[in-house]
Every structure is written in structure tokens, then in C-alpha cells.
């Protein structure tokens, strides 16, 4: 297991819809920051889409990562076959061991049957490439459905990217998610949180925290998955709340990254 950094650890610096930063973080800056933090794995996800870059820019990123000794994991959103084939090529380009996907896009919310059919048809391409497709648990599907999808496709090149918070959107907490999906995990998103009542007491909110400062039992998480799963990397993601202004939020985000990396290094021996 290696400790890694996701572009979703710097979501505010990169840019959230409706909150554009004055100088958005691009991939070269992200890699530079990872190198400063001495992180040797990064996951470039759909908030910095690789398919929009030229071949020259992709080669530059590959050279920059090699210079820093950083391994790139590739991520995207959507499972339409042409899109996945494009990203499989990108994963090959960066020698990424996995391709992490979020199933849904804004205009495509496939049923489990469509997901199974699509992934079955694409598995030969993943087998030939030696790259494993990692489906992230992301809001809509309960873990029971995700297990059914994995088992129906039935391929050694298909597994789970386990996110520690996303399944709250399906009404399921980390204990349920880890117990059900643990045997299929090939990638981990470490995202800490607290659940607290609104000030008016009517309802709860899920709020991000630096790793190790929330309600997620990270030592248990890593120990349990390390015992029950395939080899995987632990990738930091963060959900910092918005401050009164965006610049303050971006500064806090970077502070949270440093704090989180320091904490996770006490648990992950690289």
C-alpha cells in the first residue's frame, strides 16, 4: 500500500462549479505540489480531465511525473464504451495500474443491467492491457447492487474504488460499505468527516475534516482492508467547507492536505 493524493484533495484550488479561482491549479502545479509533499502516487480524476489535453501536453506530464518519481493513477466519470476506451489508452500512456470510474454523468445514469452489459463487453480490452477497472461507490447505488455488478461481470480486471463517505448518499455508512465491498477493493479514497446537527436541530449535515480529525476510524479502515483486500493504494481526498471567501478556502484546503498527509504517514509505511 502506498499513500497517494487525489486531485479531489485540491477541488477548491482546481475549481468547483460556481466558484472559479483566480489562478486554477492545473496538473503540472498539482504534480509539483505532490512532489513538495513527497507523495509518490497521485490520482488525476475527472476534475482535471486528461482527455482534453494534447498529445504533447500528455507527454510533458509523463516526463514531469517521471522526474519526480511519481506514479499516476487515472480516473474519469462515465462508462460509455468509447469514453472508457479513450481512458484505457490514457491509463496505458501513464502506466496506471487502475482506471477509476464514477458511473454516472450529468446526462447518463445507467441501470445495473446496462452497466453489467457494457463492462462485460469491455473486459477483454482491460485484460489485454493488464489494467484493472475500479468502480467507485458514488451516491446512487447501495453496496449490495455494486457487489451484484462485480460478481455478474466476474473478471479479475474489475474491482472497487472504495470511498469512505460517498455511500452516505445511499443511506449507508463506512461499516456497511467496508464489510460488503472490502473483498473487492483495489483502490481506497480516504476522506474523513463529521456528522453534526444543523444549529436549528432539524436535520444533519456531513462535513469534511482533515484525515484523523473526524469520525472515520482510519486505523480500523486500513487494517480491515489491508487484511481482506487485494493490494491497493490509499488516496487522500478532502471536503473542506467553504470559508467566507474562496482564497481563504483554498489556503485552508492546502493546510488540510499537509495535516492529512502527516497523519496518514503514521499509519501507512511506504
C-alpha atoms as a PDB file:
ATOM      1  CA  UNK A   1       0.000   0.000   0.000  1.00  0.00           C
ATOM      2  CA  UNK A   2       1.193   3.473  -0.894  1.00  0.00           C
ATOM      3  CA  UNK A   3      -0.141   6.834   0.201  1.00  0.00           C
ATOM      4  CA  UNK A   4      -1.485   8.940  -2.658  1.00  0.00           C
ATOM      5  CA  UNK A   5      -3.007  12.324  -3.382  1.00  0.00           C
ATOM      6  CA  UNK A   6      -6.131  12.886  -5.482  1.00  0.00           C
ATOM      7  CA  UNK A   7      -6.969  15.963  -7.498  1.00  0.00           C
ATOM      8  CA  UNK A   8     -10.094  15.940  -5.306  1.00  0.00           C
ATOM      9  CA  UNK A   9      -7.871  16.834  -2.360  1.00  0.00           C
ATOM     10  CA  UNK A  10      -7.482  20.180  -4.154  1.00  0.00           C
ATOM     11  CA  UNK A  11     -11.015  20.588  -5.501  1.00  0.00           C
ATOM     12  CA  UNK A  12     -11.345  24.250  -4.488  1.00  0.00           C
ATOM     13  CA  UNK A  13      -7.915  25.172  -5.871  1.00  0.00           C
ATOM     14  CA  UNK A  14      -8.717  23.425  -9.156  1.00  0.00           C
ATOM     15  CA  UNK A  15     -12.204  24.870  -9.385  1.00  0.00           C
ATOM     16  CA  UNK A  16     -15.702  23.931  -8.237  1.00  0.00           C
ATOM     17  CA  UNK A  17     -18.713  24.836 -10.373  1.00  0.00           C
ATOM     18  CA  UNK A  18     -19.774  28.363  -9.448  1.00  0.00           C
ATOM     19  CA  UNK A  19     -16.520  29.088  -7.586  1.00  0.00           C
ATOM     20  CA  UNK A  20     -13.757  29.721 -10.140  1.00  0.00           C
ATOM     21  CA  UNK A  21     -10.358  30.516  -8.570  1.00  0.00           C
ATOM     22  CA  UNK A  22      -8.315  33.404  -9.926  1.00  0.00           C
ATOM     23  CA  UNK A  23      -5.453  31.038 -10.788  1.00  0.00           C
ATOM     24  CA  UNK A  24      -6.837  27.499 -11.032  1.00  0.00           C
ATOM     25  CA  UNK A  25      -4.446  24.693 -10.163  1.00  0.00           C
ATOM     26  CA  UNK A  26      -3.581  22.708 -13.291  1.00  0.00           C
ATOM     27  CA  UNK A  27      -1.985  19.266 -13.494  1.00  0.00           C
ATOM     28  CA  UNK A  28       1.649  20.478 -13.612  1.00  0.00           C
ATOM     29  CA  UNK A  29       1.059  22.536 -10.448  1.00  0.00           C
ATOM     30  CA  UNK A  30      -0.693  19.589  -8.824  1.00  0.00           C
ATOM     31  CA  UNK A  31       2.258  17.301  -9.589  1.00  0.00           C
ATOM     32  CA  UNK A  32       4.665  19.948  -8.304  1.00  0.00           C
ATOM     33  CA  UNK A  33       2.728  20.193  -5.032  1.00  0.00           C
ATOM     34  CA  UNK A  34       2.676  16.404  -4.671  1.00  0.00           C
ATOM     35  CA  UNK A  35       6.443  16.388  -5.130  1.00  0.00           C
ATOM     36  CA  UNK A  36       6.850  19.070  -2.449  1.00  0.00           C
ATOM     37  CA  UNK A  37       4.804  16.861  -0.122  1.00  0.00           C
ATOM     38  CA  UNK A  38       6.973  13.856  -1.088  1.00  0.00           C
ATOM     39  CA  UNK A  39       3.909  11.894  -2.185  1.00  0.00           C
ATOM     40  CA  UNK A  40       4.789   9.240  -4.759  1.00  0.00           C
ATOM     41  CA  UNK A  41       1.292   8.368  -6.051  1.00  0.00           C
ATOM     42  CA  UNK A  42      -1.305  10.747  -7.454  1.00  0.00           C
ATOM     43  CA  UNK A  43      -4.762  10.141  -8.861  1.00  0.00           C
ATOM     44  CA  UNK A  44      -5.794  12.525 -11.631  1.00  0.00           C
ATOM     45  CA  UNK A  45      -9.572  12.457 -11.659  1.00  0.00           C
ATOM     46  CA  UNK A  46     -12.402  13.966 -13.667  1.00  0.00           C
ATOM     47  CA  UNK A  47     -11.991  17.470 -12.224  1.00  0.00           C
ATOM     48  CA  UNK A  48      -8.804  17.709 -14.343  1.00  0.00           C
ATOM     49  CA  UNK A  49      -9.882  15.667 -17.400  1.00  0.00           C
ATOM     50  CA  UNK A  50      -6.913  14.176 -19.208  1.00  0.00           C
ATOM     51  CA  UNK A  51      -8.718  13.552 -22.492  1.00  0.00           C
ATOM     52  CA  UNK A  52      -8.885  17.311 -23.119  1.00  0.00           C
ATOM     53  CA  UNK A  53      -5.090  17.597 -23.321  1.00  0.00           C
ATOM     54  CA  UNK A  54      -2.941  17.385 -26.434  1.00  0.00           C
ATOM     55  CA  UNK A  55      -0.512  14.527 -27.011  1.00  0.00           C
ATOM     56  CA  UNK A  56       2.335  16.953 -26.371  1.00  0.00           C
ATOM     57  CA  UNK A  57       0.855  18.022 -23.023  1.00  0.00           C
ATOM     58  CA  UNK A  58       0.294  14.392 -22.015  1.00  0.00           C
ATOM     59  CA  UNK A  59       3.915  13.569 -22.792  1.00  0.00           C
ATOM     60  CA  UNK A  60       5.061  16.573 -20.759  1.00  0.00           C
ATOM     61  CA  UNK A  61       3.048  15.338 -17.772  1.00  0.00           C
ATOM     62  CA  UNK A  62       4.516  11.871 -18.141  1.00  0.00           C
ATOM     63  CA  UNK A  63       8.024  13.338 -18.158  1.00  0.00           C
ATOM     64  CA  UNK A  64       7.281  15.559 -15.165  1.00  0.00           C
ATOM     65  CA  UNK A  65       5.927  12.617 -13.165  1.00  0.00           C
ATOM     66  CA  UNK A  66       8.963  10.513 -14.089  1.00  0.00           C
ATOM     67  CA  UNK A  67      11.288  13.327 -12.992  1.00  0.00           C
ATOM     68  CA  UNK A  68       9.564  13.428  -9.597  1.00  0.00           C
ATOM     69  CA  UNK A  69       9.317   9.637  -9.286  1.00  0.00           C
ATOM     70  CA  UNK A  70       5.524   9.879  -9.081  1.00  0.00           C
ATOM     71  CA  UNK A  71       3.135   7.168 -10.239  1.00  0.00           C
ATOM     72  CA  UNK A  72      -0.054   8.464 -11.876  1.00  0.00           C
ATOM     73  CA  UNK A  73      -3.392   6.732 -11.419  1.00  0.00           C
ATOM     74  CA  UNK A  74      -6.011   7.729 -13.986  1.00  0.00           C
ATOM     75  CA  UNK A  75      -9.644   8.470 -13.174  1.00  0.00           C
ATOM     76  CA  UNK A  76     -12.725   9.543 -15.079  1.00  0.00           C
ATOM     77  CA  UNK A  77     -16.505   9.799 -14.968  1.00  0.00           C
ATOM     78  CA  UNK A  78     -18.908   7.864 -17.206  1.00  0.00           C
ATOM     79  CA  UNK A  79     -18.974   4.363 -18.690  1.00  0.00           C
ATOM     80  CA  UNK A  80     -19.973   4.872 -22.301  1.00  0.00           C
ATOM     81  CA  UNK A  81     -17.776   2.434 -24.263  1.00  0.00           C
ATOM     82  CA  UNK A  82     -15.973   4.984 -26.442  1.00  0.00           C
ATOM     83  CA  UNK A  83     -15.180   7.093 -23.389  1.00  0.00           C
ATOM     84  CA  UNK A  84     -13.817   4.132 -21.449  1.00  0.00           C
ATOM     85  CA  UNK A  85     -11.686   3.062 -24.394  1.00  0.00           C
ATOM     86  CA  UNK A  86     -10.239   6.581 -24.570  1.00  0.00           C
ATOM     87  CA  UNK A  87      -9.363   6.460 -20.894  1.00  0.00           C
ATOM     88  CA  UNK A  88      -7.974   2.955 -21.119  1.00  0.00           C
ATOM     89  CA  UNK A  89      -5.486   4.335 -23.663  1.00  0.00           C
ATOM     90  CA  UNK A  90      -4.668   7.183 -21.271  1.00  0.00           C
ATOM     91  CA  UNK A  91      -4.164   4.721 -18.428  1.00  0.00           C
ATOM     92  CA  UNK A  92      -1.749   2.785 -20.644  1.00  0.00           C
ATOM     93  CA  UNK A  93       0.073   6.015 -21.536  1.00  0.00           C
ATOM     94  CA  UNK A  94       0.703   6.769 -17.863  1.00  0.00           C
ATOM     95  CA  UNK A  95       1.300   3.129 -16.894  1.00  0.00           C
ATOM     96  CA  UNK A  96      -1.592   3.413 -14.440  1.00  0.00           C
ATOM     97  CA  UNK A  97      -2.407   0.094 -12.761  1.00  0.00           C
ATOM     98  CA  UNK A  98      -6.070   1.043 -12.493  1.00  0.00           C
ATOM     99  CA  UNK A  99      -8.713   3.128 -14.196  1.00  0.00           C
ATOM    100  CA  UNK A 100     -11.020   4.553 -11.542  1.00  0.00           C
ATOM    101  CA  UNK A 101     -14.526   5.416 -12.720  1.00  0.00           C
ATOM    102  CA  UNK A 102     -17.619   7.103 -11.364  1.00  0.00           C
ATOM    103  CA  UNK A 103     -20.507   5.501 -13.255  1.00  0.00           C
ATOM    104  CA  UNK A 104     -22.892   8.434 -13.555  1.00  0.00           C
ATOM    105  CA  UNK A 105     -22.548  11.604 -15.588  1.00  0.00           C
ATOM    106  CA  UNK A 106     -24.953  14.531 -15.696  1.00  0.00           C
ATOM    107  CA  UNK A 107     -26.810  13.020 -18.660  1.00  0.00           C
ATOM    108  CA  UNK A 108     -26.315   9.277 -18.216  1.00  0.00           C
ATOM    109  CA  UNK A 109     -27.485   7.250 -15.221  1.00  0.00           C
ATOM    110  CA  UNK A 110     -27.329   3.652 -16.416  1.00  0.00           C
ATOM    111  CA  UNK A 111     -29.242   0.841 -14.754  1.00  0.00           C
ATOM    112  CA  UNK A 112     -27.251  -2.066 -13.291  1.00  0.00           C
ATOM    113  CA  UNK A 113     -28.137  -4.226 -16.293  1.00  0.00           C
ATOM    114  CA  UNK A 114     -26.609  -1.700 -18.694  1.00  0.00           C
ATOM    115  CA  UNK A 115     -23.507  -1.370 -16.541  1.00  0.00           C
ATOM    116  CA  UNK A 116     -23.021  -5.136 -16.493  1.00  0.00           C
ATOM    117  CA  UNK A 117     -23.509  -5.449 -20.246  1.00  0.00           C
ATOM    118  CA  UNK A 118     -21.128  -2.575 -21.003  1.00  0.00           C
ATOM    119  CA  UNK A 119     -18.389  -3.777 -18.688  1.00  0.00           C
ATOM    120  CA  UNK A 120     -18.614  -7.375 -19.870  1.00  0.00           C
ATOM    121  CA  UNK A 121     -18.062  -6.217 -23.439  1.00  0.00           C
ATOM    122  CA  UNK A 122     -15.019  -4.160 -22.423  1.00  0.00           C
ATOM    123  CA  UNK A 123     -13.316  -6.636 -20.110  1.00  0.00           C
ATOM    124  CA  UNK A 124     -11.230  -8.248 -22.893  1.00  0.00           C
ATOM    125  CA  UNK A 125      -9.647  -4.831 -23.535  1.00  0.00           C
ATOM    126  CA  UNK A 126      -8.774  -4.450 -19.856  1.00  0.00           C
ATOM    127  CA  UNK A 127      -7.451  -7.998 -19.657  1.00  0.00           C
ATOM    128  CA  UNK A 128      -5.208  -7.399 -22.671  1.00  0.00           C
ATOM    129  CA  UNK A 129      -3.921  -4.136 -21.183  1.00  0.00           C
ATOM    130  CA  UNK A 130      -3.264  -5.502 -17.697  1.00  0.00           C
ATOM    131  CA  UNK A 131      -5.206  -2.552 -16.250  1.00  0.00           C
ATOM    132  CA  UNK A 132      -7.967  -3.039 -13.673  1.00  0.00           C
ATOM    133  CA  UNK A 133     -11.201  -1.042 -13.756  1.00  0.00           C
ATOM    134  CA  UNK A 134     -12.132   0.349 -10.332  1.00  0.00           C
ATOM    135  CA  UNK A 135     -15.787   1.320  -9.852  1.00  0.00           C
ATOM    136  CA  UNK A 136     -16.224   3.966  -7.162  1.00  0.00           C
ATOM    137  CA  UNK A 137     -19.161   3.730  -4.778  1.00  0.00           C
ATOM    138  CA  UNK A 138     -20.825   7.030  -5.539  1.00  0.00           C
ATOM    139  CA  UNK A 139     -24.160   8.057  -4.020  1.00  0.00           C
ATOM    140  CA  UNK A 140     -26.767   6.224  -6.059  1.00  0.00           C
ATOM    141  CA  UNK A 141     -26.049   2.515  -5.700  1.00  0.00           C
ATOM    142  CA  UNK A 142     -26.205   0.604  -2.457  1.00  0.00           C
ATOM    143  CA  UNK A 143     -23.287  -1.715  -1.826  1.00  0.00           C
ATOM    144  CA  UNK A 144     -25.480  -4.764  -2.449  1.00  0.00           C
ATOM    145  CA  UNK A 145     -26.014  -3.574  -6.029  1.00  0.00           C
ATOM    146  CA  UNK A 146     -22.308  -2.873  -6.535  1.00  0.00           C
ATOM    147  CA  UNK A 147     -21.450  -6.392  -5.365  1.00  0.00           C
ATOM    148  CA  UNK A 148     -24.027  -7.800  -7.786  1.00  0.00           C
ATOM    149  CA  UNK A 149     -22.420  -5.841 -10.643  1.00  0.00           C
ATOM    150  CA  UNK A 150     -18.907  -7.023  -9.759  1.00  0.00           C
ATOM    151  CA  UNK A 151     -19.970 -10.647  -9.428  1.00  0.00           C
ATOM    152  CA  UNK A 152     -22.070 -10.592 -12.607  1.00  0.00           C
ATOM    153  CA  UNK A 153     -19.184  -9.263 -14.714  1.00  0.00           C
ATOM    154  CA  UNK A 154     -16.896 -11.760 -12.968  1.00  0.00           C
ATOM    155  CA  UNK A 155     -13.468 -10.543 -14.082  1.00  0.00           C
ATOM    156  CA  UNK A 156     -10.141 -10.269 -12.298  1.00  0.00           C
ATOM    157  CA  UNK A 157      -9.804  -6.889 -14.043  1.00  0.00           C
ATOM    158  CA  UNK A 158     -12.796  -5.358 -12.241  1.00  0.00           C
ATOM    159  CA  UNK A 159     -12.901  -4.168  -8.642  1.00  0.00           C
ATOM    160  CA  UNK A 160     -13.984  -1.390  -6.310  1.00  0.00           C
ATOM    161  CA  UNK A 161     -12.569   2.034  -5.544  1.00  0.00           C
ATOM    162  CA  UNK A 162     -13.920   2.428  -2.022  1.00  0.00           C
ATOM    163  CA  UNK A 163     -14.811   5.958  -0.954  1.00  0.00           C
ATOM    164  CA  UNK A 164     -15.374   6.332   2.769  1.00  0.00           C
ATOM    165  CA  UNK A 165     -18.117   8.983   2.558  1.00  0.00           C
ATOM    166  CA  UNK A 166     -19.960   8.726  -0.771  1.00  0.00           C
ATOM    167  CA  UNK A 167     -22.315   5.931   0.253  1.00  0.00           C
ATOM    168  CA  UNK A 168     -23.993   8.179   2.801  1.00  0.00           C
ATOM    169  CA  UNK A 169     -25.852   9.316  -0.320  1.00  0.00           C
ATOM    170  CA  UNK A 170     -27.356   5.821  -0.481  1.00  0.00           C
ATOM    171  CA  UNK A 171     -28.008   5.719   3.264  1.00  0.00           C
ATOM    172  CA  UNK A 172     -25.011   3.534   4.128  1.00  0.00           C
ATOM    173  CA  UNK A 173     -22.082   4.300   6.424  1.00  0.00           C
ATOM    174  CA  UNK A 174     -18.453   3.124   6.392  1.00  0.00           C
ATOM    175  CA  UNK A 175     -19.046  -0.044   8.443  1.00  0.00           C
ATOM    176  CA  UNK A 176     -21.595  -1.341   5.938  1.00  0.00           C
ATOM    177  CA  UNK A 177     -19.509  -0.252   2.950  1.00  0.00           C
ATOM    178  CA  UNK A 178     -16.232  -1.757   4.161  1.00  0.00           C
ATOM    179  CA  UNK A 179     -17.791  -5.049   5.225  1.00  0.00           C
ATOM    180  CA  UNK A 180     -19.598  -5.531   1.897  1.00  0.00           C
ATOM    181  CA  UNK A 181     -17.054  -4.123  -0.552  1.00  0.00           C
ATOM    182  CA  UNK A 182     -13.813  -4.947   1.266  1.00  0.00           C
ATOM    183  CA  UNK A 183     -13.027  -8.152  -0.646  1.00  0.00           C
ATOM    184  CA  UNK A 184     -13.302  -6.290  -3.964  1.00  0.00           C
ATOM    185  CA  UNK A 185     -11.266  -3.171  -3.085  1.00  0.00           C
ATOM    186  CA  UNK A 186      -8.389  -2.293  -5.408  1.00  0.00           C
ATOM    187  CA  UNK A 187      -8.253   1.421  -4.560  1.00  0.00           C
ATOM    188  CA  UNK A 188      -9.184   3.479  -1.497  1.00  0.00           C
ATOM    189  CA  UNK A 189     -10.294   7.088  -1.111  1.00  0.00           C
ATOM    190  CA  UNK A 190      -9.548   8.232   2.434  1.00  0.00           C
ATOM    191  CA  UNK A 191     -11.968  11.061   3.167  1.00  0.00           C
ATOM    192  CA  UNK A 192     -12.653  11.980   6.795  1.00  0.00           C
ATOM    193  CA  UNK A 193     -15.828  13.667   8.013  1.00  0.00           C
ATOM    194  CA  UNK A 194     -18.064  14.604  10.912  1.00  0.00           C
ATOM    195  CA  UNK A 195     -21.847  14.328  11.018  1.00  0.00           C
ATOM    196  CA  UNK A 196     -23.470  17.060  13.064  1.00  0.00           C
ATOM    197  CA  UNK A 197     -26.872  18.590  13.557  1.00  0.00           C
ATOM    198  CA  UNK A 198     -27.832  21.863  11.987  1.00  0.00           C
ATOM    199  CA  UNK A 199     -27.895  24.690  14.507  1.00  0.00           C
ATOM    200  CA  UNK A 200     -31.710  24.621  14.429  1.00  0.00           C
ATOM    201  CA  UNK A 201     -31.546  20.888  15.330  1.00  0.00           C
ATOM    202  CA  UNK A 202     -33.716  19.863  12.376  1.00  0.00           C
ATOM    203  CA  UNK A 203     -31.512  17.554  10.362  1.00  0.00           C
ATOM    204  CA  UNK A 204     -27.858  16.649   9.993  1.00  0.00           C
ATOM    205  CA  UNK A 205     -25.011  17.657   7.705  1.00  0.00           C
ATOM    206  CA  UNK A 206     -21.905  15.741   6.632  1.00  0.00           C
ATOM    207  CA  UNK A 207     -18.838  17.982   6.815  1.00  0.00           C
ATOM    208  CA  UNK A 208     -15.287  17.180   5.763  1.00  0.00           C
ATOM    209  CA  UNK A 209     -12.304  17.282   8.131  1.00  0.00           C
ATOM    210  CA  UNK A 210      -8.578  16.681   7.801  1.00  0.00           C
ATOM    211  CA  UNK A 211      -7.744  12.978   7.925  1.00  0.00           C
ATOM    212  CA  UNK A 212      -7.628  11.783  11.519  1.00  0.00           C
ATOM    213  CA  UNK A 213      -9.725  14.630  12.923  1.00  0.00           C
ATOM    214  CA  UNK A 214     -13.204  13.346  12.113  1.00  0.00           C
ATOM    215  CA  UNK A 215     -15.416  10.367  12.863  1.00  0.00           C
ATOM    216  CA  UNK A 216     -13.813   7.985  10.370  1.00  0.00           C
ATOM    217  CA  UNK A 217     -11.847   5.277  12.158  1.00  0.00           C
ATOM    218  CA  UNK A 218      -8.919   5.307   9.758  1.00  0.00           C
ATOM    219  CA  UNK A 219      -6.701   2.809  11.635  1.00  0.00           C
ATOM    220  CA  UNK A 220      -9.584   0.295  11.575  1.00  0.00           C
ATOM    221  CA  UNK A 221     -10.283   1.098   7.921  1.00  0.00           C
ATOM    222  CA  UNK A 222      -6.730   0.468   6.762  1.00  0.00           C
ATOM    223  CA  UNK A 223      -6.220  -2.598   8.944  1.00  0.00           C
ATOM    224  CA  UNK A 224      -9.503  -4.178   7.818  1.00  0.00           C
ATOM    225  CA  UNK A 225      -8.989  -3.545   4.116  1.00  0.00           C
ATOM    226  CA  UNK A 226      -5.319  -4.493   4.230  1.00  0.00           C
ATOM    227  CA  UNK A 227      -6.367  -7.838   5.674  1.00  0.00           C
ATOM    228  CA  UNK A 228      -9.294  -8.561   3.347  1.00  0.00           C
ATOM    229  CA  UNK A 229      -8.484  -6.874   0.029  1.00  0.00           C
ATOM    230  CA  UNK A 230      -6.108  -7.047  -2.887  1.00  0.00           C
ATOM    231  CA  UNK A 231      -3.104  -4.733  -2.918  1.00  0.00           C
ATOM    232  CA  UNK A 232      -4.293  -1.125  -3.191  1.00  0.00           C
ATOM    233  CA  UNK A 233      -3.186   2.469  -2.712  1.00  0.00           C
ATOM    234  CA  UNK A 234      -4.771   4.810  -0.158  1.00  0.00           C
ATOM    235  CA  UNK A 235      -5.619   8.084  -1.897  1.00  0.00           C
ATOM    236  CA  UNK A 236      -6.383  11.241   0.090  1.00  0.00           C
ATOM    237  CA  UNK A 237      -9.485  13.247  -0.791  1.00  0.00           C
ATOM    238  CA  UNK A 238     -10.915  16.183   1.164  1.00  0.00           C
ATOM    239  CA  UNK A 239     -14.200  18.051   1.583  1.00  0.00           C
ATOM    240  CA  UNK A 240     -13.244  21.385   3.185  1.00  0.00           C
ATOM    241  CA  UNK A 241     -16.287  23.589   3.866  1.00  0.00           C
ATOM    242  CA  UNK A 242     -16.435  26.907   2.045  1.00  0.00           C
ATOM    243  CA  UNK A 243     -14.976  29.817   4.024  1.00  0.00           C
ATOM    244  CA  UNK A 244     -16.340  33.386   3.721  1.00  0.00           C
ATOM    245  CA  UNK A 245     -14.115  33.870   0.669  1.00  0.00           C
ATOM    246  CA  UNK A 246     -12.617  31.474  -1.862  1.00  0.00           C
ATOM    247  CA  UNK A 247      -8.981  32.402  -1.253  1.00  0.00           C
ATOM    248  CA  UNK A 248      -9.319  31.542   2.434  1.00  0.00           C
ATOM    249  CA  UNK A 249     -10.919  28.245   1.457  1.00  0.00           C
ATOM    250  CA  UNK A 250      -8.037  27.393  -0.872  1.00  0.00           C
ATOM    251  CA  UNK A 251      -5.469  28.209   1.824  1.00  0.00           C
ATOM    252  CA  UNK A 252      -7.327  26.032   4.316  1.00  0.00           C
ATOM    253  CA  UNK A 253      -7.530  23.228   1.770  1.00  0.00           C
ATOM    254  CA  UNK A 254      -3.749  23.198   1.368  1.00  0.00           C
ATOM    255  CA  UNK A 255      -3.278  23.226   5.142  1.00  0.00           C
ATOM    256  CA  UNK A 256      -5.644  20.259   5.408  1.00  0.00           C
ATOM    257  CA  UNK A 257      -3.650  18.375   2.787  1.00  0.00           C
ATOM    258  CA  UNK A 258      -0.420  18.832   4.757  1.00  0.00           C
ATOM    259  CA  UNK A 259      -2.072  17.879   8.054  1.00  0.00           C
ATOM    260  CA  UNK A 260      -3.742  14.832   6.499  1.00  0.00           C
ATOM    261  CA  UNK A 261      -0.596  13.574   4.786  1.00  0.00           C
ATOM    262  CA  UNK A 262       1.355  13.890   8.046  1.00  0.00           C
ATOM    263  CA  UNK A 263      -1.311  11.887   9.888  1.00  0.00           C
ATOM    264  CA  UNK A 264      -1.668   9.168   7.252  1.00  0.00           C
ATOM    265  CA  UNK A 265       2.090   8.649   7.219  1.00  0.00           C
ATOM    266  CA  UNK A 266       1.804   7.460  10.826  1.00  0.00           C
ATOM    267  CA  UNK A 267      -0.426   4.619   9.588  1.00  0.00           C
ATOM    268  CA  UNK A 268       0.956   3.776   6.156  1.00  0.00           C
ATOM    269  CA  UNK A 269       4.530   2.549   5.970  1.00  0.00           C
ATOM    270  CA  UNK A 270       5.854   3.246   2.482  1.00  0.00           C
END
